[in-house]
mmCIF file of all heavy atoms, coordinates in Angstrom:
data_MODEL
# 
_entry.id   MODEL 
# 
loop_
_atom_site.group_PDB 
_atom_site.id 
_atom_site.type_symbol 
_atom_site.label_atom_id 
_atom_site.label_alt_id 
_atom_site.label_comp_id 
_atom_site.label_asym_id 
_atom_site.label_entity_id 
_atom_site.label_seq_id 
_atom_site.pdbx_PDB_ins_code 
_atom_site.Cartn_x 
_atom_site.Cartn_y 
_atom_site.Cartn_z 
_atom_site.occupancy 
_atom_site.B_iso_or_equiv 
_atom_site.pdbx_formal_charge 
_atom_site.auth_seq_id 
_atom_site.auth_comp_id 
_atom_site.auth_asym_id 
_atom_site.auth_atom_id 
_atom_site.pdbx_PDB_model_num 
ATOM 1   N N   . ASP A 1 1  ? 63.866 88.414 158.619 1.00 0.00 ? 1  ASP A N   1 
ATOM 2   C CA  . ASP A 1 1  ? 63.067 87.856 159.645 1.00 0.00 ? 1  ASP A CA  1 
ATOM 3   C C   . ASP A 1 1  ? 62.035 86.811 159.063 1.00 0.00 ? 1  ASP A C   1 
ATOM 4   O O   . ASP A 1 1  ? 61.064 86.379 159.661 1.00 0.00 ? 1  ASP A O   1 
ATOM 5   C CB  . ASP A 1 1  ? 62.295 88.846 160.461 1.00 0.00 ? 1  ASP A CB  1 
ATOM 6   C CG  . ASP A 1 1  ? 61.347 89.771 159.589 1.00 0.00 ? 1  ASP A CG  1 
ATOM 7   O OD1 . ASP A 1 1  ? 61.294 89.424 158.313 1.00 0.00 ? 1  ASP A OD1 1 
ATOM 8   O OD2 . ASP A 1 1  ? 60.606 90.655 160.106 1.00 0.00 ? 1  ASP A OD2 1 
ATOM 9   N N   . ALA A 1 2  ? 62.403 86.322 157.820 1.00 0.00 ? 2  ALA A N   1 
ATOM 10  C CA  . ALA A 1 2  ? 61.469 85.299 157.231 1.00 0.00 ? 2  ALA A CA  1 
ATOM 11  C C   . ALA A 1 2  ? 61.524 84.029 157.894 1.00 0.00 ? 2  ALA A C   1 
ATOM 12  O O   . ALA A 1 2  ? 62.529 83.626 158.650 1.00 0.00 ? 2  ALA A O   1 
ATOM 13  C CB  . ALA A 1 2  ? 61.993 85.123 155.715 1.00 0.00 ? 2  ALA A CB  1 
ATOM 14  N N   . SER A 1 3  ? 60.332 83.376 158.007 1.00 0.00 ? 3  SER A N   1 
ATOM 15  C CA  . SER A 1 3  ? 60.298 81.996 158.632 1.00 0.00 ? 3  SER A CA  1 
ATOM 16  C C   . SER A 1 3  ? 61.162 80.960 158.060 1.00 0.00 ? 3  SER A C   1 
ATOM 17  O O   . SER A 1 3  ? 61.541 81.133 156.805 1.00 0.00 ? 3  SER A O   1 
ATOM 18  C CB  . SER A 1 3  ? 58.919 81.617 158.792 1.00 0.00 ? 3  SER A CB  1 
ATOM 19  O OG  . SER A 1 3  ? 58.403 81.212 157.410 1.00 0.00 ? 3  SER A OG  1 
ATOM 20  N N   . VAL A 1 4  ? 61.450 79.953 158.824 1.00 0.00 ? 4  VAL A N   1 
ATOM 21  C CA  . VAL A 1 4  ? 62.293 78.855 158.230 1.00 0.00 ? 4  VAL A CA  1 
ATOM 22  C C   . VAL A 1 4  ? 61.521 78.297 157.012 1.00 0.00 ? 4  VAL A C   1 
ATOM 23  O O   . VAL A 1 4  ? 62.078 77.862 155.950 1.00 0.00 ? 4  VAL A O   1 
ATOM 24  C CB  . VAL A 1 4  ? 62.470 77.748 159.307 1.00 0.00 ? 4  VAL A CB  1 
ATOM 25  C CG1 . VAL A 1 4  ? 63.133 76.484 158.660 1.00 0.00 ? 4  VAL A CG1 1 
ATOM 26  C CG2 . VAL A 1 4  ? 63.398 78.288 160.416 1.00 0.00 ? 4  VAL A CG2 1 
ATOM 27  N N   . VAL A 1 5  ? 60.089 78.150 157.076 1.00 0.00 ? 5  VAL A N   1 
ATOM 28  C CA  . VAL A 1 5  ? 59.455 77.475 156.032 1.00 0.00 ? 5  VAL A CA  1 
ATOM 29  C C   . VAL A 1 5  ? 59.518 78.401 154.794 1.00 0.00 ? 5  VAL A C   1 
ATOM 30  O O   . VAL A 1 5  ? 59.741 77.859 153.698 1.00 0.00 ? 5  VAL A O   1 
ATOM 31  C CB  . VAL A 1 5  ? 57.972 77.326 156.417 1.00 0.00 ? 5  VAL A CB  1 
ATOM 32  C CG1 . VAL A 1 5  ? 57.094 76.923 155.245 1.00 0.00 ? 5  VAL A CG1 1 
ATOM 33  C CG2 . VAL A 1 5  ? 57.817 76.254 157.540 1.00 0.00 ? 5  VAL A CG2 1 
ATOM 34  N N   . ARG A 1 6  ? 59.393 79.684 154.928 1.00 0.00 ? 6  ARG A N   1 
ATOM 35  C CA  . ARG A 1 6  ? 59.466 80.609 153.805 1.00 0.00 ? 6  ARG A CA  1 
ATOM 36  C C   . ARG A 1 6  ? 60.883 80.629 153.189 1.00 0.00 ? 6  ARG A C   1 
ATOM 37  O O   . ARG A 1 6  ? 61.012 80.597 151.995 1.00 0.00 ? 6  ARG A O   1 
ATOM 38  C CB  . ARG A 1 6  ? 59.133 82.088 154.301 1.00 0.00 ? 6  ARG A CB  1 
ATOM 39  C CG  . ARG A 1 6  ? 59.090 83.084 153.116 1.00 0.00 ? 6  ARG A CG  1 
ATOM 40  C CD  . ARG A 1 6  ? 58.602 84.348 153.590 1.00 0.00 ? 6  ARG A CD  1 
ATOM 41  N NE  . ARG A 1 6  ? 58.633 85.366 152.539 1.00 0.00 ? 6  ARG A NE  1 
ATOM 42  C CZ  . ARG A 1 6  ? 58.385 86.649 152.723 1.00 0.00 ? 6  ARG A CZ  1 
ATOM 43  N NH1 . ARG A 1 6  ? 58.076 87.142 153.879 1.00 0.00 ? 6  ARG A NH1 1 
ATOM 44  N NH2 . ARG A 1 6  ? 58.424 87.522 151.735 1.00 0.00 ? 6  ARG A NH2 1 
ATOM 45  N N   . VAL A 1 7  ? 61.809 80.574 154.030 1.00 0.00 ? 7  VAL A N   1 
ATOM 46  C CA  . VAL A 1 7  ? 63.266 80.471 153.538 1.00 0.00 ? 7  VAL A CA  1 
ATOM 47  C C   . VAL A 1 7  ? 63.434 79.219 152.781 1.00 0.00 ? 7  VAL A C   1 
ATOM 48  O O   . VAL A 1 7  ? 64.070 79.212 151.572 1.00 0.00 ? 7  VAL A O   1 
ATOM 49  C CB  . VAL A 1 7  ? 64.299 80.584 154.660 1.00 0.00 ? 7  VAL A CB  1 
ATOM 50  C CG1 . VAL A 1 7  ? 65.679 80.343 154.087 1.00 0.00 ? 7  VAL A CG1 1 
ATOM 51  C CG2 . VAL A 1 7  ? 64.195 82.047 155.145 1.00 0.00 ? 7  VAL A CG2 1 
ATOM 52  N N   . ALA A 1 8  ? 63.098 78.121 153.299 1.00 0.00 ? 8  ALA A N   1 
ATOM 53  C CA  . ALA A 1 8  ? 63.236 76.811 152.639 1.00 0.00 ? 8  ALA A CA  1 
ATOM 54  C C   . ALA A 1 8  ? 62.549 76.851 151.253 1.00 0.00 ? 8  ALA A C   1 
ATOM 55  O O   . ALA A 1 8  ? 63.211 76.349 150.259 1.00 0.00 ? 8  ALA A O   1 
ATOM 56  C CB  . ALA A 1 8  ? 62.611 75.694 153.454 1.00 0.00 ? 8  ALA A CB  1 
ATOM 57  N N   . HIS A 1 9  ? 61.336 77.295 151.161 1.00 0.00 ? 9  HIS A N   1 
ATOM 58  C CA  . HIS A 1 9  ? 60.657 77.432 149.799 1.00 0.00 ? 9  HIS A CA  1 
ATOM 59  C C   . HIS A 1 9  ? 61.341 78.281 148.888 1.00 0.00 ? 9  HIS A C   1 
ATOM 60  O O   . HIS A 1 9  ? 61.371 78.018 147.607 1.00 0.00 ? 9  HIS A O   1 
ATOM 61  C CB  . HIS A 1 9  ? 59.241 77.759 150.120 1.00 0.00 ? 9  HIS A CB  1 
ATOM 62  C CG  . HIS A 1 9  ? 58.365 76.744 150.738 1.00 0.00 ? 9  HIS A CG  1 
ATOM 63  N ND1 . HIS A 1 9  ? 57.140 77.000 151.301 1.00 0.00 ? 9  HIS A ND1 1 
ATOM 64  C CD2 . HIS A 1 9  ? 58.556 75.463 151.008 1.00 0.00 ? 9  HIS A CD2 1 
ATOM 65  C CE1 . HIS A 1 9  ? 56.641 75.942 151.846 1.00 0.00 ? 9  HIS A CE1 1 
ATOM 66  N NE2 . HIS A 1 9  ? 57.563 74.945 151.734 1.00 0.00 ? 9  HIS A NE2 1 
ATOM 67  N N   . SER A 1 10 ? 61.983 79.417 149.452 1.00 0.00 ? 10 SER A N   1 
ATOM 68  C CA  . SER A 1 10 ? 62.566 80.340 148.546 1.00 0.00 ? 10 SER A CA  1 
ATOM 69  C C   . SER A 1 10 ? 63.759 79.914 147.873 1.00 0.00 ? 10 SER A C   1 
ATOM 70  O O   . SER A 1 10 ? 64.277 80.444 146.866 1.00 0.00 ? 10 SER A O   1 
ATOM 71  C CB  . SER A 1 10 ? 62.897 81.692 149.312 1.00 0.00 ? 10 SER A CB  1 
ATOM 72  O OG  . SER A 1 10 ? 63.977 81.483 150.306 1.00 0.00 ? 10 SER A OG  1 
ATOM 73  N N   . VAL A 1 11 ? 64.402 78.846 148.476 1.00 0.00 ? 11 VAL A N   1 
ATOM 74  C CA  . VAL A 1 11 ? 65.665 78.343 147.798 1.00 0.00 ? 11 VAL A CA  1 
ATOM 75  C C   . VAL A 1 11 ? 65.457 76.922 147.322 1.00 0.00 ? 11 VAL A C   1 
ATOM 76  O O   . VAL A 1 11 ? 66.347 76.185 147.027 1.00 0.00 ? 11 VAL A O   1 
ATOM 77  C CB  . VAL A 1 11 ? 66.778 78.221 148.854 1.00 0.00 ? 11 VAL A CB  1 
ATOM 78  C CG1 . VAL A 1 11 ? 67.228 79.635 149.189 1.00 0.00 ? 11 VAL A CG1 1 
ATOM 79  C CG2 . VAL A 1 11 ? 66.449 77.473 150.115 1.00 0.00 ? 11 VAL A CG2 1 
ATOM 80  N N   . GLY A 1 12 ? 64.118 76.563 147.028 1.00 0.00 ? 12 GLY A N   1 
ATOM 81  C CA  . GLY A 1 12 ? 63.960 75.418 146.228 1.00 0.00 ? 12 GLY A CA  1 
ATOM 82  C C   . GLY A 1 12 ? 63.547 74.069 147.052 1.00 0.00 ? 12 GLY A C   1 
ATOM 83  O O   . GLY A 1 12 ? 63.561 72.993 146.458 1.00 0.00 ? 12 GLY A O   1 
ATOM 84  N N   . PHE A 1 13 ? 63.415 74.212 148.378 1.00 0.00 ? 13 PHE A N   1 
ATOM 85  C CA  . PHE A 1 13 ? 63.088 72.964 149.168 1.00 0.00 ? 13 PHE A CA  1 
ATOM 86  C C   . PHE A 1 13 ? 61.649 73.005 149.442 1.00 0.00 ? 13 PHE A C   1 
ATOM 87  O O   . PHE A 1 13 ? 61.105 73.741 150.248 1.00 0.00 ? 13 PHE A O   1 
ATOM 88  C CB  . PHE A 1 13 ? 63.854 72.966 150.480 1.00 0.00 ? 13 PHE A CB  1 
ATOM 89  C CG  . PHE A 1 13 ? 65.350 72.686 150.361 1.00 0.00 ? 13 PHE A CG  1 
ATOM 90  C CD1 . PHE A 1 13 ? 66.286 73.834 150.306 1.00 0.00 ? 13 PHE A CD1 1 
ATOM 91  C CD2 . PHE A 1 13 ? 65.785 71.335 150.210 1.00 0.00 ? 13 PHE A CD2 1 
ATOM 92  C CE1 . PHE A 1 13 ? 67.584 73.540 150.195 1.00 0.00 ? 13 PHE A CE1 1 
ATOM 93  C CE2 . PHE A 1 13 ? 67.204 71.130 150.089 1.00 0.00 ? 13 PHE A CE2 1 
ATOM 94  C CZ  . PHE A 1 13 ? 68.052 72.228 150.082 1.00 0.00 ? 13 PHE A CZ  1 
ATOM 95  N N   . SER A 1 14 ? 60.835 72.087 148.848 1.00 0.00 ? 14 SER A N   1 
ATOM 96  C CA  . SER A 1 14 ? 59.455 71.959 149.193 1.00 0.00 ? 14 SER A CA  1 
ATOM 97  C C   . SER A 1 14 ? 59.233 71.157 150.394 1.00 0.00 ? 14 SER A C   1 
ATOM 98  O O   . SER A 1 14 ? 58.171 71.247 150.980 1.00 0.00 ? 14 SER A O   1 
ATOM 99  C CB  . SER A 1 14 ? 58.715 71.271 147.866 1.00 0.00 ? 14 SER A CB  1 
ATOM 100 O OG  . SER A 1 14 ? 59.249 70.058 147.644 1.00 0.00 ? 14 SER A OG  1 
ATOM 101 N N   . ASN A 1 15 ? 60.150 70.218 150.795 1.00 0.00 ? 15 ASN A N   1 
ATOM 102 C CA  . ASN A 1 15 ? 60.023 69.500 151.983 1.00 0.00 ? 15 ASN A CA  1 
ATOM 103 C C   . ASN A 1 15 ? 60.849 70.075 153.018 1.00 0.00 ? 15 ASN A C   1 
ATOM 104 O O   . ASN A 1 15 ? 62.091 70.070 153.113 1.00 0.00 ? 15 ASN A O   1 
ATOM 105 C CB  . ASN A 1 15 ? 60.541 68.042 151.690 1.00 0.00 ? 15 ASN A CB  1 
ATOM 106 C CG  . ASN A 1 15 ? 60.280 67.088 152.823 1.00 0.00 ? 15 ASN A CG  1 
ATOM 107 O OD1 . ASN A 1 15 ? 60.527 67.476 153.978 1.00 0.00 ? 15 ASN A OD1 1 
ATOM 108 N ND2 . ASN A 1 15 ? 59.834 65.880 152.477 1.00 0.00 ? 15 ASN A ND2 1 
ATOM 109 N N   . VAL A 1 16 ? 60.160 70.780 153.974 1.00 0.00 ? 16 VAL A N   1 
ATOM 110 C CA  . VAL A 1 16 ? 60.827 71.508 155.003 1.00 0.00 ? 16 VAL A CA  1 
ATOM 111 C C   . VAL A 1 16 ? 61.646 70.633 155.960 1.00 0.00 ? 16 VAL A C   1 
ATOM 112 O O   . VAL A 1 16 ? 62.737 71.061 156.472 1.00 0.00 ? 16 VAL A O   1 
ATOM 113 C CB  . VAL A 1 16 ? 59.863 72.388 155.616 1.00 0.00 ? 16 VAL A CB  1 
ATOM 114 C CG1 . VAL A 1 16 ? 60.614 73.253 156.869 1.00 0.00 ? 16 VAL A CG1 1 
ATOM 115 C CG2 . VAL A 1 16 ? 59.193 73.347 154.744 1.00 0.00 ? 16 VAL A CG2 1 
ATOM 116 N N   . SER A 1 17 ? 61.090 69.454 156.302 1.00 0.00 ? 17 SER A N   1 
ATOM 117 C CA  . SER A 1 17 ? 61.833 68.523 157.121 1.00 0.00 ? 17 SER A CA  1 
ATOM 118 C C   . SER A 1 17 ? 63.105 68.102 156.515 1.00 0.00 ? 17 SER A C   1 
ATOM 119 O O   . SER A 1 17 ? 64.161 68.028 157.212 1.00 0.00 ? 17 SER A O   1 
ATOM 120 C CB  . SER A 1 17 ? 60.963 67.310 157.452 1.00 0.00 ? 17 SER A CB  1 
ATOM 121 O OG  . SER A 1 17 ? 59.845 67.627 158.144 1.00 0.00 ? 17 SER A OG  1 
ATOM 122 N N   . HIS A 1 18 ? 63.108 67.906 155.193 1.00 0.00 ? 18 HIS A N   1 
ATOM 123 C CA  . HIS A 1 18 ? 64.368 67.541 154.445 1.00 0.00 ? 18 HIS A CA  1 
ATOM 124 C C   . HIS A 1 18 ? 65.328 68.627 154.596 1.00 0.00 ? 18 HIS A C   1 
ATOM 125 O O   . HIS A 1 18 ? 66.551 68.440 154.786 1.00 0.00 ? 18 HIS A O   1 
ATOM 126 C CB  . HIS A 1 18 ? 64.000 67.146 153.108 1.00 0.00 ? 18 HIS A CB  1 
ATOM 127 C CG  . HIS A 1 18 ? 65.115 66.670 152.237 1.00 0.00 ? 18 HIS A CG  1 
ATOM 128 N ND1 . HIS A 1 18 ? 65.960 65.671 152.683 1.00 0.00 ? 18 HIS A ND1 1 
ATOM 129 C CD2 . HIS A 1 18 ? 65.621 66.970 150.975 1.00 0.00 ? 18 HIS A CD2 1 
ATOM 130 C CE1 . HIS A 1 18 ? 66.838 65.430 151.766 1.00 0.00 ? 18 HIS A CE1 1 
ATOM 131 N NE2 . HIS A 1 18 ? 66.662 66.186 150.821 1.00 0.00 ? 18 HIS A NE2 1 
ATOM 132 N N   . PHE A 1 19 ? 64.837 69.856 154.385 1.00 0.00 ? 19 PHE A N   1 
ATOM 133 C CA  . PHE A 1 19 ? 65.675 71.083 154.417 1.00 0.00 ? 19 PHE A CA  1 
ATOM 134 C C   . PHE A 1 19 ? 66.333 71.203 155.853 1.00 0.00 ? 19 PHE A C   1 
ATOM 135 O O   . PHE A 1 19 ? 67.545 71.465 155.938 1.00 0.00 ? 19 PHE A O   1 
ATOM 136 C CB  . PHE A 1 19 ? 64.811 72.342 154.150 1.00 0.00 ? 19 PHE A CB  1 
ATOM 137 C CG  . PHE A 1 19 ? 65.507 73.642 154.519 1.00 0.00 ? 19 PHE A CG  1 
ATOM 138 C CD1 . PHE A 1 19 ? 66.540 74.061 153.785 1.00 0.00 ? 19 PHE A CD1 1 
ATOM 139 C CD2 . PHE A 1 19 ? 65.015 74.323 155.506 1.00 0.00 ? 19 PHE A CD2 1 
ATOM 140 C CE1 . PHE A 1 19 ? 67.198 75.246 154.193 1.00 0.00 ? 19 PHE A CE1 1 
ATOM 141 C CE2 . PHE A 1 19 ? 65.599 75.516 156.012 1.00 0.00 ? 19 PHE A CE2 1 
ATOM 142 C CZ  . PHE A 1 19 ? 66.713 76.008 155.241 1.00 0.00 ? 19 PHE A CZ  1 
ATOM 143 N N   . ARG A 1 20 ? 65.557 70.977 156.809 1.00 0.00 ? 20 ARG A N   1 
ATOM 144 C CA  . ARG A 1 20 ? 66.055 71.097 158.276 1.00 0.00 ? 20 ARG A CA  1 
ATOM 145 C C   . ARG A 1 20 ? 67.267 70.150 158.460 1.00 0.00 ? 20 ARG A C   1 
ATOM 146 O O   . ARG A 1 20 ? 68.272 70.402 159.045 1.00 0.00 ? 20 ARG A O   1 
ATOM 147 C CB  . ARG A 1 20 ? 64.969 70.927 159.244 1.00 0.00 ? 20 ARG A CB  1 
ATOM 148 C CG  . ARG A 1 20 ? 63.866 71.937 159.359 1.00 0.00 ? 20 ARG A CG  1 
ATOM 149 C CD  . ARG A 1 20 ? 62.898 71.542 160.352 1.00 0.00 ? 20 ARG A CD  1 
ATOM 150 N NE  . ARG A 1 20 ? 61.687 72.369 160.237 1.00 0.00 ? 20 ARG A NE  1 
ATOM 151 C CZ  . ARG A 1 20 ? 61.493 73.621 160.866 1.00 0.00 ? 20 ARG A CZ  1 
ATOM 152 N NH1 . ARG A 1 20 ? 62.444 74.112 161.520 1.00 0.00 ? 20 ARG A NH1 1 
ATOM 153 N NH2 . ARG A 1 20 ? 60.386 74.232 160.595 1.00 0.00 ? 20 ARG A NH2 1 
ATOM 154 N N   . ARG A 1 21 ? 67.078 68.894 158.023 1.00 0.00 ? 21 ARG A N   1 
ATOM 155 C CA  . ARG A 1 21 ? 68.090 67.855 158.060 1.00 0.00 ? 21 ARG A CA  1 
ATOM 156 C C   . ARG A 1 21 ? 69.320 68.143 157.417 1.00 0.00 ? 21 ARG A C   1 
ATOM 157 O O   . ARG A 1 21 ? 70.422 68.126 157.973 1.00 0.00 ? 21 ARG A O   1 
ATOM 158 C CB  . ARG A 1 21 ? 67.597 66.428 157.662 1.00 0.00 ? 21 ARG A CB  1 
ATOM 159 C CG  . ARG A 1 21 ? 66.583 65.791 158.618 1.00 0.00 ? 21 ARG A CG  1 
ATOM 160 C CD  . ARG A 1 21 ? 66.448 64.339 158.388 1.00 0.00 ? 21 ARG A CD  1 
ATOM 161 N NE  . ARG A 1 21 ? 66.221 64.095 156.977 1.00 0.00 ? 21 ARG A NE  1 
ATOM 162 C CZ  . ARG A 1 21 ? 64.900 64.048 156.425 1.00 0.00 ? 21 ARG A CZ  1 
ATOM 163 N NH1 . ARG A 1 21 ? 63.904 64.340 157.136 1.00 0.00 ? 21 ARG A NH1 1 
ATOM 164 N NH2 . ARG A 1 21 ? 64.850 63.827 155.161 1.00 0.00 ? 21 ARG A NH2 1 
ATOM 165 N N   . LEU A 1 22 ? 69.223 68.643 156.164 1.00 0.00 ? 22 LEU A N   1 
ATOM 166 C CA  . LEU A 1 22 ? 70.412 68.980 155.376 1.00 0.00 ? 22 LEU A CA  1 
ATOM 167 C C   . LEU A 1 22 ? 71.053 70.280 156.022 1.00 0.00 ? 22 LEU A C   1 
ATOM 168 O O   . LEU A 1 22 ? 72.283 70.247 155.966 1.00 0.00 ? 22 LEU A O   1 
ATOM 169 C CB  . LEU A 1 22 ? 69.996 69.249 153.924 1.00 0.00 ? 22 LEU A CB  1 
ATOM 170 C CG  . LEU A 1 22 ? 69.464 68.066 153.110 1.00 0.00 ? 22 LEU A CG  1 
ATOM 171 C CD1 . LEU A 1 22 ? 69.082 68.604 151.727 1.00 0.00 ? 22 LEU A CD1 1 
ATOM 172 C CD2 . LEU A 1 22 ? 70.619 67.058 152.962 1.00 0.00 ? 22 LEU A CD2 1 
ATOM 173 N N   . PHE A 1 23 ? 70.301 71.214 156.444 1.00 0.00 ? 23 PHE A N   1 
ATOM 174 C CA  . PHE A 1 23 ? 70.937 72.401 157.022 1.00 0.00 ? 23 PHE A CA  1 
ATOM 175 C C   . PHE A 1 23 ? 71.756 72.049 158.340 1.00 0.00 ? 23 PHE A C   1 
ATOM 176 O O   . PHE A 1 23 ? 72.832 72.496 158.415 1.00 0.00 ? 23 PHE A O   1 
ATOM 177 C CB  . PHE A 1 23 ? 69.773 73.389 157.300 1.00 0.00 ? 23 PHE A CB  1 
ATOM 178 C CG  . PHE A 1 23 ? 70.216 74.765 157.718 1.00 0.00 ? 23 PHE A CG  1 
ATOM 179 C CD1 . PHE A 1 23 ? 70.307 75.737 156.662 1.00 0.00 ? 23 PHE A CD1 1 
ATOM 180 C CD2 . PHE A 1 23 ? 70.736 75.104 158.848 1.00 0.00 ? 23 PHE A CD2 1 
ATOM 181 C CE1 . PHE A 1 23 ? 70.792 77.044 156.918 1.00 0.00 ? 23 PHE A CE1 1 
ATOM 182 C CE2 . PHE A 1 23 ? 71.246 76.313 159.234 1.00 0.00 ? 23 PHE A CE2 1 
ATOM 183 C CZ  . PHE A 1 23 ? 71.141 77.330 158.287 1.00 0.00 ? 23 PHE A CZ  1 
ATOM 184 N N   . ARG A 1 24 ? 71.142 71.186 159.186 1.00 0.00 ? 24 ARG A N   1 
ATOM 185 C CA  . ARG A 1 24 ? 71.886 70.910 160.376 1.00 0.00 ? 24 ARG A CA  1 
ATOM 186 C C   . ARG A 1 24 ? 73.127 70.010 160.044 1.00 0.00 ? 24 ARG A C   1 
ATOM 187 O O   . ARG A 1 24 ? 74.201 70.130 160.701 1.00 0.00 ? 24 ARG A O   1 
ATOM 188 C CB  . ARG A 1 24 ? 70.937 70.065 161.257 1.00 0.00 ? 24 ARG A CB  1 
ATOM 189 C CG  . ARG A 1 24 ? 71.665 69.702 162.605 1.00 0.00 ? 24 ARG A CG  1 
ATOM 190 C CD  . ARG A 1 24 ? 70.629 69.293 163.641 1.00 0.00 ? 24 ARG A CD  1 
ATOM 191 N NE  . ARG A 1 24 ? 71.218 69.119 164.945 1.00 0.00 ? 24 ARG A NE  1 
ATOM 192 C CZ  . ARG A 1 24 ? 70.625 68.946 166.088 1.00 0.00 ? 24 ARG A CZ  1 
ATOM 193 N NH1 . ARG A 1 24 ? 69.242 69.036 166.098 1.00 0.00 ? 24 ARG A NH1 1 
ATOM 194 N NH2 . ARG A 1 24 ? 71.194 68.799 167.204 1.00 0.00 ? 24 ARG A NH2 1 
ATOM 195 N N   . ARG A 1 25 ? 73.109 69.156 159.108 1.00 0.00 ? 25 ARG A N   1 
ATOM 196 C CA  . ARG A 1 25 ? 74.168 68.363 158.739 1.00 0.00 ? 25 ARG A CA  1 
ATOM 197 C C   . ARG A 1 25 ? 75.270 69.235 158.155 1.00 0.00 ? 25 ARG A C   1 
ATOM 198 O O   . ARG A 1 25 ? 76.499 69.005 158.366 1.00 0.00 ? 25 ARG A O   1 
ATOM 199 C CB  . ARG A 1 25 ? 73.772 67.214 157.641 1.00 0.00 ? 25 ARG A CB  1 
ATOM 200 C CG  . ARG A 1 25 ? 74.912 66.382 157.347 1.00 0.00 ? 25 ARG A CG  1 
ATOM 201 C CD  . ARG A 1 25 ? 74.338 65.226 156.319 1.00 0.00 ? 25 ARG A CD  1 
ATOM 202 N NE  . ARG A 1 25 ? 74.042 65.773 155.082 1.00 0.00 ? 25 ARG A NE  1 
ATOM 203 C CZ  . ARG A 1 25 ? 73.479 65.137 154.047 1.00 0.00 ? 25 ARG A CZ  1 
ATOM 204 N NH1 . ARG A 1 25 ? 73.052 63.864 154.283 1.00 0.00 ? 25 ARG A NH1 1 
ATOM 205 N NH2 . ARG A 1 25 ? 73.288 65.677 152.918 1.00 0.00 ? 25 ARG A NH2 1 
ATOM 206 N N   . GLU A 1 26 ? 74.853 70.190 157.425 1.00 0.00 ? 26 GLU A N   1 
ATOM 207 C CA  . GLU A 1 26 ? 75.887 71.181 156.759 1.00 0.00 ? 26 GLU A CA  1 
ATOM 208 C C   . GLU A 1 26 ? 76.529 72.152 157.760 1.00 0.00 ? 26 GLU A C   1 
ATOM 209 O O   . GLU A 1 26 ? 77.753 72.333 157.741 1.00 0.00 ? 26 GLU A O   1 
ATOM 210 C CB  . GLU A 1 26 ? 75.232 71.913 155.626 1.00 0.00 ? 26 GLU A CB  1 
ATOM 211 C CG  . GLU A 1 26 ? 76.211 72.714 154.828 1.00 0.00 ? 26 GLU A CG  1 
ATOM 212 C CD  . GLU A 1 26 ? 77.107 71.951 153.908 1.00 0.00 ? 26 GLU A CD  1 
ATOM 213 O OE1 . GLU A 1 26 ? 76.805 70.741 153.757 1.00 0.00 ? 26 GLU A OE1 1 
ATOM 214 O OE2 . GLU A 1 26 ? 78.083 72.520 153.399 1.00 0.00 ? 26 GLU A OE2 1 
ATOM 215 N N   . PHE A 1 27 ? 75.689 72.661 158.627 1.00 0.00 ? 27 PHE A N   1 
ATOM 216 C CA  . PHE A 1 27 ? 76.228 73.806 159.465 1.00 0.00 ? 27 PHE A CA  1 
ATOM 217 C C   . PHE A 1 27 ? 76.227 73.424 161.003 1.00 0.00 ? 27 PHE A C   1 
ATOM 218 O O   . PHE A 1 27 ? 76.702 74.307 161.796 1.00 0.00 ? 27 PHE A O   1 
ATOM 219 C CB  . PHE A 1 27 ? 75.366 75.051 159.277 1.00 0.00 ? 27 PHE A CB  1 
ATOM 220 C CG  . PHE A 1 27 ? 75.299 75.543 157.816 1.00 0.00 ? 27 PHE A CG  1 
ATOM 221 C CD1 . PHE A 1 27 ? 74.081 75.588 157.114 1.00 0.00 ? 27 PHE A CD1 1 
ATOM 222 C CD2 . PHE A 1 27 ? 76.462 75.922 157.136 1.00 0.00 ? 27 PHE A CD2 1 
ATOM 223 C CE1 . PHE A 1 27 ? 74.132 76.040 155.803 1.00 0.00 ? 27 PHE A CE1 1 
ATOM 224 C CE2 . PHE A 1 27 ? 76.388 76.395 155.871 1.00 0.00 ? 27 PHE A CE2 1 
ATOM 225 C CZ  . PHE A 1 27 ? 75.248 76.398 155.183 1.00 0.00 ? 27 PHE A CZ  1 
# 
């Protein structure tokens, strides 16, 4: 139940907006 921000940081994405864009593009 970790937040999107916490998950992003846990896998090496410091820029959460960038993480969201890449995630949506991938999945």
